Protein backbone atom coordinates (compact mmCIF):
# COMPACT_ATOMS: atom_id res chain seq x y z
CA MET A 1 6.59 -18.66 28.02
CA LYS A 2 6.34 -15.72 25.52
CA ASN A 3 10.07 -14.77 25.77
CA SER A 4 11.13 -18.51 25.36
CA ARG A 5 8.88 -18.87 22.44
CA PHE A 6 10.34 -15.82 20.77
CA SER A 7 13.84 -17.01 21.44
CA LEU A 8 13.03 -20.37 19.63
CA VAL A 9 11.47 -18.61 16.60
CA SER A 10 14.52 -16.01 16.59
CA LEU A 11 17.10 -18.72 16.55
CA ILE A 12 15.45 -20.80 13.88
CA LEU A 13 15.14 -17.80 11.55
CA VAL A 14 18.65 -16.73 12.18
CA PHE A 15 19.84 -20.29 11.40
CA MET A 16 17.85 -20.58 8.21
CA LEU A 17 18.87 -17.19 6.80
CA VAL A 18 22.56 -17.54 7.68
CA LEU A 19 22.42 -20.83 5.65
CA SER A 20 21.05 -18.95 2.72
CA GLY A 21 23.94 -16.35 2.94
CA CYS A 22 21.90 -13.50 4.74
CA PHE A 23 20.75 -12.08 7.96
CA SER A 24 24.11 -12.76 9.55
CA GLY A 25 25.03 -9.08 9.87
CA GLU A 26 28.66 -9.89 9.29
CA THR A 27 31.08 -9.12 6.33
CA ASN A 28 30.42 -11.84 3.50
CA GLU A 29 33.74 -13.79 3.62
CA PRO A 30 35.14 -15.67 0.62
CA SER A 31 35.51 -19.44 0.95
CA ASN A 32 38.32 -21.16 2.90
CA SER A 33 40.19 -22.09 -0.16
CA ALA A 34 39.89 -18.45 -1.49
CA GLN A 35 41.11 -16.99 1.73
CA THR A 36 44.15 -19.59 1.66
CA ASP A 37 44.96 -18.71 -1.81
CA GLY A 38 44.61 -15.00 -1.41
CA GLY A 39 46.71 -15.10 1.84
CA LYS A 40 49.32 -17.13 0.06
CA LYS A 41 49.76 -14.72 -2.94
CA ASN A 42 49.74 -11.74 -0.66
CA ALA A 43 52.13 -13.37 1.85
CA GLU A 44 54.54 -13.98 -1.06
CA LYS A 45 54.50 -10.15 -1.58
CA GLY A 46 54.82 -9.44 2.15
CA LYS A 47 51.35 -7.85 2.32
CA GLU A 48 48.26 -8.27 4.37
CA PRO A 49 45.41 -10.19 2.74
CA GLU A 50 42.97 -7.79 1.15
CA GLN A 51 39.56 -7.72 2.62
CA GLU A 52 36.29 -7.06 0.51
CA PRO A 53 34.42 -4.13 1.81
CA GLU A 54 31.48 -5.06 4.14
CA ARG A 55 28.17 -5.19 2.33
CA LYS A 56 25.53 -2.75 3.41
CA ILE A 57 22.55 -4.89 4.19
CA LEU A 58 19.16 -3.63 5.56
CA TYR A 59 16.91 -5.87 7.51
CA LEU A 60 13.16 -5.30 7.32
CA ASN A 61 9.72 -7.13 7.97
CA ASN A 62 7.09 -7.16 5.42
CA LYS A 63 4.58 -8.90 7.75
CA GLU A 64 2.86 -10.79 4.85
CA GLU A 65 3.61 -12.72 1.92
CA PRO A 66 2.92 -10.53 -1.16
CA GLY A 67 -0.24 -11.31 -2.90
CA ALA A 68 1.35 -10.32 -6.26
CA LEU A 69 4.75 -8.74 -7.19
CA HIS A 70 3.38 -8.00 -10.83
CA PRO A 71 2.64 -4.28 -11.11
CA GLY A 72 -0.54 -4.97 -13.17
CA ILE A 73 -1.91 -7.34 -10.58
CA ALA A 74 -0.78 -6.02 -7.15
CA GLN A 75 -3.28 -4.29 -4.71
CA GLY A 76 -1.91 -4.17 -1.29
CA THR A 77 0.87 -2.52 0.97
CA HIS A 78 2.34 -6.07 1.35
CA ASP A 79 2.93 -5.88 -2.60
CA SER A 80 3.94 -2.13 -2.98
CA TRP A 81 6.53 -1.87 -0.33
CA ILE A 82 8.83 -4.15 -2.52
CA LEU A 83 7.31 -2.89 -6.05
CA GLU A 84 8.29 0.62 -5.16
CA HIS A 85 11.94 -0.23 -4.82
CA ALA A 86 12.16 -2.99 -7.50
CA PHE A 87 10.28 -0.94 -10.23
CA GLU A 88 10.20 2.69 -11.46
CA GLY A 89 7.67 4.45 -13.46
CA LEU A 90 7.77 7.32 -15.90
CA THR A 91 8.20 9.65 -12.83
CA LYS A 92 9.17 9.21 -9.19
CA LYS A 93 8.99 11.05 -5.88
CA THR A 94 11.77 12.80 -4.10
CA PRO A 95 12.10 12.69 -0.26
CA GLU A 96 10.38 16.05 -0.24
CA GLY A 97 7.45 14.68 -1.96
CA GLU A 98 8.20 16.50 -5.30
CA ILE A 99 7.37 14.50 -8.58
CA VAL A 100 10.48 14.35 -10.61
CA ASP A 101 11.65 12.37 -13.76
CA GLY A 102 12.16 8.59 -13.35
CA MET A 103 12.36 6.54 -16.58
CA ALA A 104 11.09 9.66 -18.59
CA GLU A 105 13.47 12.59 -18.84
CA LYS A 106 10.75 14.98 -19.81
CA TRP A 107 7.23 15.34 -20.95
CA ASP A 108 4.84 17.66 -22.94
CA VAL A 109 1.39 18.39 -22.38
CA SER A 110 -1.19 19.76 -25.06
CA ASP A 111 -2.92 22.94 -24.31
CA ASP A 112 -6.19 21.07 -23.57
CA ASN A 113 -4.51 18.91 -21.10
CA LEU A 114 -5.60 15.62 -22.84
CA THR A 115 -2.30 14.50 -24.53
CA TRP A 116 0.72 13.83 -22.66
CA THR A 117 3.91 12.78 -24.53
CA PHE A 118 6.67 11.17 -22.35
CA HIS A 119 10.39 11.14 -23.66
CA LEU A 120 12.29 8.06 -22.04
CA LYS A 121 15.93 8.62 -20.91
CA ASP A 122 18.80 6.99 -23.08
CA GLY A 123 20.24 3.76 -21.95
CA MET A 124 17.44 2.58 -19.75
CA LEU A 125 17.84 -1.14 -18.84
CA TRP A 126 15.98 -3.96 -17.17
CA SER A 127 17.72 -5.94 -14.53
CA ASN A 128 18.32 -8.75 -17.35
CA GLY A 129 20.03 -6.19 -19.64
CA ASP A 130 17.14 -5.61 -21.92
CA PRO A 131 16.41 -1.96 -22.94
CA VAL A 132 13.32 -0.30 -21.46
CA THR A 133 11.05 0.76 -24.07
CA ALA A 134 8.03 2.88 -24.44
CA GLU A 135 6.31 -0.18 -25.73
CA ASP A 136 6.95 -1.81 -22.23
CA PHE A 137 4.76 0.94 -20.81
CA GLU A 138 2.00 0.52 -23.39
CA TYR A 139 2.17 -3.31 -22.95
CA ALA A 140 1.95 -3.16 -19.10
CA TRP A 141 -1.02 -0.63 -18.97
CA LYS A 142 -2.89 -2.68 -21.56
CA TYR A 143 -2.11 -5.97 -19.61
CA ALA A 144 -3.70 -4.37 -16.45
CA LEU A 145 -6.66 -3.23 -18.38
CA ASN A 146 -7.09 -6.59 -20.26
CA PRO A 147 -10.20 -8.13 -18.63
CA GLU A 148 -8.62 -11.52 -18.54
CA SER A 149 -5.82 -10.39 -16.17
CA ALA A 150 -8.60 -9.49 -13.50
CA SER A 151 -6.59 -6.57 -12.12
CA ASP A 152 -8.38 -4.88 -9.19
CA TYR A 153 -6.42 -1.74 -9.98
CA ALA A 154 -7.33 -1.53 -13.51
CA TYR A 155 -9.65 1.30 -12.69
CA GLN A 156 -6.73 3.52 -11.93
CA LEU A 157 -6.03 3.49 -15.61
CA TYR A 158 -9.70 4.71 -16.55
CA TYR A 159 -8.21 8.11 -17.08
CA LEU A 160 -6.86 6.95 -20.35
CA GLU A 161 -9.15 7.48 -23.55
CA GLY A 162 -10.97 4.19 -24.08
CA ALA A 163 -9.51 2.29 -20.98
CA GLU A 164 -12.82 1.64 -19.09
CA GLU A 165 -14.46 0.37 -22.42
CA TYR A 166 -11.70 -2.25 -23.02
CA ASN A 167 -11.53 -3.27 -19.29
CA SER A 168 -15.37 -3.61 -19.37
CA SER A 169 -15.33 -5.89 -22.46
CA GLU A 170 -16.03 -9.61 -22.30
CA PRO A 171 -14.35 -11.36 -23.66
CA ALA A 172 -11.34 -9.06 -24.10
CA ASN A 173 -11.75 -7.08 -27.34
CA PRO A 174 -8.68 -6.42 -29.40
CA GLU A 175 -10.39 -3.68 -31.29
CA LEU A 176 -11.00 -1.87 -28.14
CA ALA A 177 -7.43 -2.56 -26.87
CA ALA A 178 -6.24 -0.62 -29.96
CA LYS A 179 -8.24 2.23 -28.99
CA VAL A 180 -6.85 2.63 -25.46
CA GLY A 181 -5.05 6.05 -25.21
CA VAL A 182 -1.49 4.84 -24.76
CA LYS A 183 0.79 4.26 -27.73
CA ALA A 184 4.52 3.79 -28.19
CA VAL A 185 5.36 6.25 -31.00
CA ASP A 186 8.89 4.80 -31.08
CA GLU A 187 11.24 3.00 -28.59
CA LYS A 188 11.74 6.24 -26.57
CA THR A 189 8.27 8.22 -27.08
CA LEU A 190 5.26 7.32 -25.36
CA GLU A 191 1.97 9.15 -26.24
CA VAL A 192 -0.96 9.11 -23.56
CA LYS A 193 -4.36 10.50 -24.47
CA LEU A 194 -6.59 11.10 -21.53
CA ALA A 195 -10.51 10.77 -21.55
CA GLU A 196 -10.85 13.99 -19.49
CA PRO A 197 -8.32 16.42 -18.09
CA THR A 198 -6.97 14.90 -14.95
CA PRO A 199 -5.16 17.43 -12.44
CA TYR A 200 -3.41 14.52 -10.60
CA PHE A 201 -2.24 12.47 -13.70
CA LEU A 202 1.41 13.21 -13.31
CA ASP A 203 1.20 11.84 -9.70
CA LEU A 204 -0.37 8.68 -10.93
CA THR A 205 2.46 7.89 -13.34
CA SER A 206 4.70 7.30 -10.23
CA PHE A 207 2.13 4.83 -8.87
CA TYR A 208 2.81 1.02 -9.19
CA THR A 209 -0.12 0.10 -11.66
CA TYR A 210 1.71 2.56 -14.12
CA TYR A 211 4.95 0.74 -13.83
CA PRO A 212 6.30 -0.91 -17.04
CA VAL A 213 6.49 -4.57 -17.56
CA ASN A 214 9.16 -6.19 -19.74
CA LYS A 215 7.00 -7.29 -22.72
CA LYS A 216 9.45 -10.04 -23.95
CA VAL A 217 9.73 -11.71 -20.51
CA GLN A 218 5.88 -11.67 -20.10
CA GLU A 219 5.08 -13.02 -23.41
CA ALA A 220 7.87 -15.87 -22.84
CA ASN A 221 6.93 -16.61 -19.31
CA PRO A 222 3.49 -15.46 -17.86
CA ASN A 223 4.57 -16.55 -14.46
CA TRP A 224 7.84 -14.52 -14.29
CA ALA A 225 6.79 -12.59 -11.21
CA HIS A 226 6.11 -15.66 -9.19
CA GLU A 227 9.74 -16.53 -8.33
CA ALA A 228 13.00 -14.71 -7.90
CA SER A 229 14.78 -16.91 -10.58
CA SER A 230 12.54 -15.39 -13.34
CA TYR A 231 11.92 -11.98 -11.81
CA VAL A 232 12.84 -8.91 -14.04
CA SER A 233 12.45 -5.40 -13.01
CA ASN A 234 13.78 -1.95 -13.70
CA GLY A 235 14.06 -0.02 -10.35
CA ALA A 236 16.97 0.50 -7.96
CA PHE A 237 16.75 -3.05 -6.68
CA LYS A 238 16.18 -6.55 -7.96
CA VAL A 239 14.54 -9.52 -6.38
CA THR A 240 17.23 -12.22 -6.06
CA GLU A 241 15.59 -14.69 -3.45
CA TRP A 242 12.03 -15.37 -2.63
CA ASN A 243 11.26 -18.18 0.13
CA HIS A 244 7.52 -17.93 -0.12
CA LYS A 245 5.92 -16.92 3.30
CA GLU A 246 9.37 -16.70 5.00
CA SER A 247 11.73 -14.11 3.34
CA ILE A 248 12.54 -11.87 0.21
CA LYS A 249 15.97 -10.76 -0.64
CA LEU A 250 16.47 -7.73 -2.87
CA GLU A 251 19.96 -6.55 -4.12
CA LYS A 252 21.26 -3.47 -5.94
CA ASN A 253 20.37 -3.48 -9.55
CA GLU A 254 23.63 -2.77 -11.35
CA ASN A 255 21.66 -1.95 -14.53
CA TYR A 256 19.78 0.91 -12.78
CA TYR A 257 20.59 4.39 -14.31
CA ASP A 258 21.11 5.95 -10.97
CA LYS A 259 22.84 3.13 -9.40
CA ASP A 260 25.69 5.49 -8.03
CA LYS A 261 23.14 7.13 -5.60
CA ILE A 262 22.16 3.66 -4.20
CA LYS A 263 24.13 2.77 -1.29
CA LEU A 264 22.67 -0.49 0.03
CA ASP A 265 23.86 -3.76 -1.44
CA GLU A 266 21.05 -5.69 -0.17
CA VAL A 267 17.71 -5.68 1.54
CA ASN A 268 16.39 -8.62 3.44
CA PHE A 269 12.64 -8.98 4.11
CA VAL A 270 11.37 -11.47 6.67
CA MET A 271 7.64 -12.06 6.92
CA ILE A 272 6.46 -12.00 10.57
CA GLU A 273 2.77 -11.28 11.14
CA ASN A 274 2.99 -11.03 14.93
CA GLU A 275 4.00 -7.44 15.68
CA ASP A 276 5.41 -8.22 19.20
CA THR A 277 7.67 -10.87 17.70
CA ALA A 278 8.92 -8.42 14.99
CA TRP A 279 9.48 -5.85 17.88
CA GLN A 280 11.60 -8.19 19.66
CA MET A 281 13.70 -8.97 16.77
CA TYR A 282 14.29 -5.18 16.26
CA GLN A 283 15.32 -4.92 19.92
CA ALA A 284 17.69 -7.81 19.41
CA ASP A 285 19.24 -6.05 16.36
CA GLU A 286 17.76 -8.51 13.91
CA LEU A 287 15.90 -5.84 12.28
CA ASP A 288 16.93 -2.27 11.37
CA LEU A 289 13.38 -0.84 11.00
CA ALA A 290 10.35 -1.92 12.86
CA TYR A 291 6.89 -0.86 11.29
CA PRO A 292 4.21 -1.19 12.39
CA LEU A 293 4.68 -1.25 16.15
CA PRO A 294 2.74 -2.94 18.65
CA GLN A 295 0.19 -0.50 20.43
CA ASP A 296 1.53 -0.72 23.88
CA VAL A 297 5.00 0.06 22.59
CA GLN A 298 3.73 2.94 20.41
CA GLY A 299 1.98 4.29 23.61
CA GLN A 300 5.38 4.28 25.49
CA LEU A 301 7.32 5.84 22.72
CA VAL A 302 5.08 8.74 21.40
CA ASP A 303 6.38 11.15 24.04
CA SER A 304 9.50 9.38 24.96
CA GLY A 305 12.11 11.51 23.09
CA ASN A 306 13.70 8.21 22.01
CA PRO A 307 15.95 9.29 18.90
CA GLU A 308 14.96 5.96 17.08
CA PHE A 309 11.29 6.63 17.20
CA ASN A 310 9.84 8.43 14.11
CA ASN A 311 6.19 9.41 13.68
CA GLY A 312 4.53 11.51 11.13
CA PRO A 313 1.17 11.92 9.09
CA ASP A 314 -0.03 8.94 6.93
CA LEU A 315 -2.50 9.51 4.05
CA SER A 316 -4.53 6.61 5.36
CA ILE A 317 -7.89 5.92 7.12
CA TYR A 318 -8.86 2.86 9.39
CA TYR A 319 -12.35 1.86 8.84
CA TYR A 320 -14.92 -0.99 8.98
CA ASN A 321 -16.59 -2.40 5.97
CA LEU A 322 -20.49 -3.17 6.36
CA ASN A 323 -21.60 -5.79 3.68
CA ASN A 324 -24.64 -3.76 2.47
CA ASN A 325 -26.07 -6.88 0.90
CA VAL A 326 -26.49 -8.68 4.10
CA LYS A 327 -29.42 -7.96 6.55
CA PRO A 328 -29.61 -5.95 8.59
CA PHE A 329 -26.56 -3.90 7.29
CA ASN A 330 -28.71 -2.92 4.21
CA ASN A 331 -30.59 -0.71 6.50
CA VAL A 332 -28.96 2.91 6.92
CA LYS A 333 -30.35 3.26 10.36
CA VAL A 334 -28.53 0.21 11.60
CA ARG A 335 -25.47 1.04 9.85
CA LYS A 336 -25.52 4.74 11.60
CA ALA A 337 -26.42 3.11 14.82
CA LEU A 338 -23.30 1.00 14.82
CA SER A 339 -21.00 3.98 13.88
CA MET A 340 -22.42 6.21 16.64
CA ALA A 341 -22.05 3.72 19.42
CA ILE A 342 -18.14 3.56 18.90
CA ASP A 343 -16.00 5.67 21.19
CA ARG A 344 -13.10 6.60 18.94
CA LYS A 345 -11.16 8.58 21.37
CA THR A 346 -11.02 5.65 23.55
CA ILE A 347 -9.66 3.66 20.68
CA THR A 348 -6.89 6.14 19.57
CA GLU A 349 -5.76 7.02 23.13
CA HIS A 350 -5.86 3.52 24.90
CA VAL A 351 -5.79 0.88 22.06
CA ALA A 352 -3.97 2.14 18.90
CA GLN A 353 -1.91 4.55 20.96
CA GLY A 354 -0.02 6.02 17.88
CA GLY A 355 -1.37 9.66 18.03
CA GLN A 356 -3.99 8.76 15.56
CA LYS A 357 -6.93 11.25 15.06
CA PRO A 358 -10.54 9.96 15.44
CA ALA A 359 -12.31 9.86 12.00
CA PHE A 360 -15.68 11.68 11.51
CA GLY A 361 -15.22 11.71 7.64
CA ILE A 362 -13.39 9.62 5.15
CA ILE A 363 -10.68 12.08 3.76
CA PRO A 364 -7.65 12.27 5.96
CA PRO A 365 -5.57 15.29 6.89
CA GLY A 366 -2.83 16.32 4.48
CA ILE A 367 -4.53 17.10 1.24
CA ASN A 368 -4.85 20.50 -0.01
CA ASP A 369 -8.29 22.12 -0.64
CA VAL A 370 -8.95 25.27 -2.69
CA SER A 371 -7.72 26.99 0.34
CA GLY A 372 -6.48 25.27 3.66
CA ASP A 373 -6.77 21.52 4.33
CA PHE A 374 -9.58 19.37 2.87
CA GLN A 375 -10.14 17.49 6.05
CA GLU A 376 -10.13 20.39 8.19
CA ASN A 377 -12.63 22.16 5.93
CA SER A 378 -14.94 19.17 6.21
CA GLY A 379 -14.88 19.08 9.93
CA ASP A 380 -16.76 16.43 11.82
CA LEU A 381 -19.53 14.97 9.51
CA PHE A 382 -21.28 13.02 12.26
CA LYS A 383 -21.12 12.64 16.04
CA GLU A 384 -21.24 9.89 18.59
CA ASP A 385 -24.55 9.61 20.30
CA LEU A 386 -25.53 6.51 22.32
CA GLU A 387 -29.11 7.54 22.97
CA GLU A 388 -29.51 8.16 19.11
CA ALA A 389 -27.87 4.98 18.22
CA LYS A 390 -30.17 3.01 20.44
CA LYS A 391 -33.23 4.61 18.69
CA LEU A 392 -31.82 4.23 15.20
CA LEU A 393 -31.00 0.42 15.83
CA ALA A 394 -34.33 -0.22 17.19
CA GLU A 395 -36.01 1.45 14.20
CA GLY A 396 -33.86 -0.16 11.75
CA LEU A 397 -34.39 -3.55 13.02
CA ALA A 398 -38.07 -3.17 13.18
CA GLU A 399 -38.10 -2.08 9.56
CA GLU A 400 -36.12 -5.17 8.54
CA GLY A 401 -38.63 -7.41 10.57
CA MET A 402 -36.10 -8.12 13.33
CA LYS A 403 -36.55 -7.87 17.09
CA GLU A 404 -32.87 -7.85 17.92
CA MET A 405 -29.37 -7.92 16.12
CA PRO A 406 -28.52 -11.45 14.64
CA LYS A 407 -25.18 -13.06 15.54
CA PHE A 408 -22.53 -11.92 13.01
CA THR A 409 -18.82 -12.15 12.70
CA PHE A 410 -16.09 -9.53 12.18
CA LEU A 411 -13.31 -10.31 10.03
CA TYR A 412 -9.93 -9.00 10.39
CA ASN A 413 -6.41 -9.82 9.15
CA THR A 414 -3.92 -11.31 11.48
CA SER A 415 -2.62 -8.49 13.60
CA GLU A 416 -2.72 -7.85 17.32
CA THR A 417 -3.59 -4.35 16.61
CA HIS A 418 -6.58 -5.26 14.46
CA LYS A 419 -7.69 -7.87 17.21
CA LYS A 420 -7.51 -5.41 20.17
CA ILE A 421 -9.45 -2.81 18.28
CA GLY A 422 -11.93 -5.42 17.24
CA GLU A 423 -12.38 -6.51 20.80
CA ALA A 424 -12.84 -2.79 22.07
CA VAL A 425 -15.64 -2.32 19.40
CA GLN A 426 -16.98 -5.65 20.29
CA GLU A 427 -17.27 -4.53 23.99
CA MET A 428 -18.72 -0.99 22.95
CA TRP A 429 -21.42 -2.78 20.95
CA ARG A 430 -22.32 -5.26 23.83
CA LYS A 431 -22.37 -2.47 26.50
CA ASN A 432 -23.94 0.18 24.42
CA LEU A 433 -26.42 -1.71 22.15
CA ASP A 434 -26.86 -5.05 23.73
CA PHE A 435 -25.54 -7.51 21.21
CA THR A 436 -22.35 -9.45 20.78
CA ILE A 437 -20.15 -10.43 17.61
CA ASP A 438 -17.71 -13.12 16.93
CA LEU A 439 -14.12 -12.13 15.80
CA GLU A 440 -12.28 -14.07 12.98
CA ASN A 441 -8.76 -13.52 11.96
CA VAL A 442 -7.28 -14.70 8.59
CA GLU A 443 -4.30 -13.94 6.41
CA PHE A 444 -4.36 -10.52 4.64
CA GLN A 445 -4.76 -11.86 1.32
CA VAL A 446 -7.49 -14.30 2.45
CA LYS A 447 -9.32 -11.13 3.96
CA LEU A 448 -9.07 -9.37 0.69
CA ASP A 449 -10.34 -12.34 -1.35
CA ARG A 450 -13.34 -12.86 0.95
CA GLU A 451 -14.19 -9.22 0.76
CA LYS A 452 -14.17 -9.15 -3.05
CA ALA A 453 -16.33 -12.36 -2.92
CA GLY A 454 -18.76 -10.77 -0.51
CA ASP A 455 -18.12 -13.54 1.91
CA TYR A 456 -18.27 -11.43 5.11
CA GLU A 457 -20.61 -9.46 7.25
CA ILE A 458 -18.18 -6.69 8.83
CA SER A 459 -14.51 -6.62 8.08
CA ARG A 460 -11.68 -4.35 9.06
CA GLY A 461 -10.57 -2.11 6.15
CA GLY A 462 -7.87 0.31 5.62
CA TRP A 463 -6.86 2.57 2.63
CA SER A 464 -3.63 4.38 1.87
CA GLY A 465 -3.87 7.16 -0.67
CA ASP A 466 -2.42 6.23 -4.04
CA TYR A 467 -1.91 9.87 -4.86
CA VAL A 468 -2.25 13.06 -2.88
CA ASP A 469 -5.84 14.17 -3.89
CA PRO A 470 -9.25 13.57 -2.27
CA MET A 471 -10.20 11.46 -5.18
CA THR A 472 -7.97 8.63 -4.04
CA PHE A 473 -10.42 7.83 -1.19
CA ALA A 474 -13.70 9.32 -2.68
CA ASP A 475 -13.77 7.01 -5.73
CA LEU A 476 -13.60 3.84 -3.52
CA TRP A 477 -17.33 3.78 -3.07
CA VAL A 478 -18.64 4.41 -6.54
CA THR A 479 -21.21 1.86 -7.78
CA ASP A 480 -19.44 -1.38 -8.68
CA GLY A 481 -16.09 0.03 -7.74
CA ALA A 482 -13.25 -2.46 -7.56
CA PHE A 483 -12.72 -1.68 -3.88
CA ASN A 484 -16.39 -0.91 -2.92
CA ASP A 485 -16.38 -4.17 -0.66
CA ALA A 486 -19.29 -2.65 1.09
CA ASN A 487 -21.37 -3.27 -1.98
CA TRP A 488 -23.10 0.24 -1.68
CA SER A 489 -24.52 2.32 -4.43
CA ASN A 490 -25.84 5.86 -4.59
CA ALA A 491 -26.60 7.73 -7.75
CA GLU A 492 -26.05 11.11 -6.48
CA TYR A 493 -22.65 10.04 -5.00
CA ASP A 494 -21.62 8.77 -8.47
CA LYS A 495 -22.75 12.06 -9.93
CA GLN A 496 -20.61 14.18 -7.75
CA ILE A 497 -17.44 11.83 -8.24
CA ASN A 498 -17.79 12.11 -11.90
CA ILE A 499 -18.10 15.95 -11.73
CA ALA A 500 -14.91 16.01 -9.59
CA LYS A 501 -13.08 13.60 -12.16
CA THR A 502 -14.11 15.56 -15.38
CA SER A 503 -13.59 19.31 -14.20
CA MET A 504 -10.17 21.08 -14.23
CA ASP A 505 -11.65 23.96 -11.96
CA PRO A 506 -10.18 23.25 -8.45
CA LYS A 507 -13.32 24.89 -6.93
CA VAL A 508 -15.71 22.74 -8.60
CA ARG A 509 -13.85 19.56 -8.14
CA MET A 510 -13.41 20.10 -4.33
CA GLU A 511 -16.97 21.10 -3.72
CA ALA A 512 -18.07 17.92 -5.73
CA MET A 513 -15.88 15.90 -3.39
CA HIS A 514 -17.11 17.66 -0.19
CA LYS A 515 -20.78 16.90 -1.33
CA ALA A 516 -19.79 13.13 -2.05
CA GLU A 517 -18.12 12.75 1.40
CA LYS A 518 -21.29 14.08 3.13
CA ILE A 519 -23.58 11.59 1.25
CA LEU A 520 -21.32 8.74 2.08
CA ILE A 521 -21.42 9.54 5.83
CA GLU A 522 -25.09 10.21 5.73
CA GLU A 523 -25.59 6.80 4.31
CA MET A 524 -22.65 5.34 6.40
CA PRO A 525 -21.93 2.19 4.21
CA ILE A 526 -18.44 1.93 6.07
CA ILE A 527 -17.68 3.06 9.49
CA PRO A 528 -14.65 5.54 9.84
CA ILE A 529 -12.60 4.80 12.99
CA TYR A 530 -9.34 6.83 12.70
CA PHE A 531 -6.87 8.46 10.52
CA TYR A 532 -3.44 6.73 10.75
CA THR A 533 -0.17 8.17 11.78
CA LYS A 534 3.21 6.48 10.77
CA PRO A 535 5.08 5.47 14.04
CA PHE A 536 8.17 3.35 13.29
CA MET A 537 11.53 2.74 14.82
CA VAL A 538 14.82 2.90 12.86
CA LYS A 539 18.43 2.14 14.10
CA PRO A 540 20.84 5.00 14.42
CA HIS A 541 23.24 3.33 11.76
CA VAL A 542 20.59 3.45 9.16
CA LYS A 543 20.54 6.95 7.22
CA GLY A 544 18.41 8.35 4.58
CA ILE A 545 15.03 6.60 5.21
CA PHE A 546 12.27 8.88 4.14
CA THR A 547 8.55 8.81 4.49
CA PRO A 548 6.11 10.18 1.78
CA ILE A 549 2.71 10.95 3.21
CA ASN A 550 1.10 8.08 1.14
CA ARG A 551 3.99 5.46 1.24
CA TYR A 552 5.65 3.02 3.66
CA PRO A 553 9.11 4.15 4.79
CA GLN A 554 11.18 4.29 1.69
CA PHE A 555 14.85 2.94 1.58
CA ILE A 556 15.86 3.64 -2.02
CA TYR A 557 18.51 6.20 -0.94
CA ALA A 558 19.24 4.63 2.59
CA ASP A 559 22.75 4.06 3.73
CA ILE A 560 24.55 1.93 6.52
CA GLU A 561 26.95 3.81 8.69
CA LYS A 562 28.65 2.06 11.32
């Protein structure tokens, strides 16, 4: 039944996409009349008809409909995988992870590390032919900070002088906007003033919230990012087709300054939530890259030696949100009990099966400390202990005037992996703590919206680092933080995060973040489950895919060799 259902889905997808001129996997042929005319002309000269070179097309699965393909509004990996290839910031990252020039050819930094001056390259163009200017960067950053934009990622711009004040104004205050520390000095010069020295600021300039937006396009059509027909970007690829909740097509941007290094003509994304279906499409040569993989497939491939299998570190954590505004999750003993009753090794080895590492903290491996690795220096910040969990749960419920755990629901976005992990935890809590939960799956964007609204009790959470520094995880749970979906608050935690954000002394910064991590784990507003790995399959004819530690597989320099 499963195979026959897949065959039907696959055939329908192929039929639809062939009609739209993509997904055929064949050379794009001219129309019959063109073939006839061309053949006639060449025949007259006694030559064979000339054939156009085969277009290089990459086929991928984005899993979900993007929530937003506007740099100032985007917030998830279902947005960023496309944005990272359609746009480019002042800087970009090489396959080796080095930060290099992007739209900016060079930059100067003041002695106090507060003023950064970026000089844009000559001849930078948008996909519609408009020049990319310093004003487009100023406009984009202030757009994200404008409280009327309701950007969840506006806080990533708080490093700019006056940014938080402007974003916090209600209604939007033009006078405060003028004081934000970003200014187009002229068409090619962008001056940035920071509120405090920020060691990882250059890394941030390659992140999508810092991408430019075409000011002229935005002002003429505020909905330009909703459809392919009006989409304008400045990166290696441009969006040329968007069938909502079905597919997105990117094509090489001929206006991109580095276009000679871009080998792909086209990238076609389908949107298939079911990992098993996507995997079968990969096996049927309908996808060139499969990510993420079904758990059982990962388990078979990890040590298989299959040359198409790739796995590596991922700067990401898998965790559960506990809504601290809902009883009994407001009680720290209850929260700790739930966490201590989960067997993470069983989950990583028998459910997730991708070589993941059980998480007993919140900062993943792969980030440098003053010396060594930050996560390794932190070590395990708590232990699994069933007897202690039972004791804490009883005490916590008694403190809340409850005799037993109430019935509650675990919210997760549609994915077989999330479902199986949820079922495993469901059984662990039933067996170890004698209570049951319900599981509810929804689309990813629906989950994000409900978490923001506080409309949940427990939910699946995941976070990939926006930049390579512990702060990209540590500042998630500051009081009233944009992604503090647990609705937790701790004054000492906020204090340590502020110390780490305002000091340029590496030792002071790292010590403060270690202290903050210990506070969070002691309070357990969220439940760490494991640190991700990045297992994926890619066809042998696809060359040049690279995987930054905090990004999905990147295809900007990919090539098709057949």
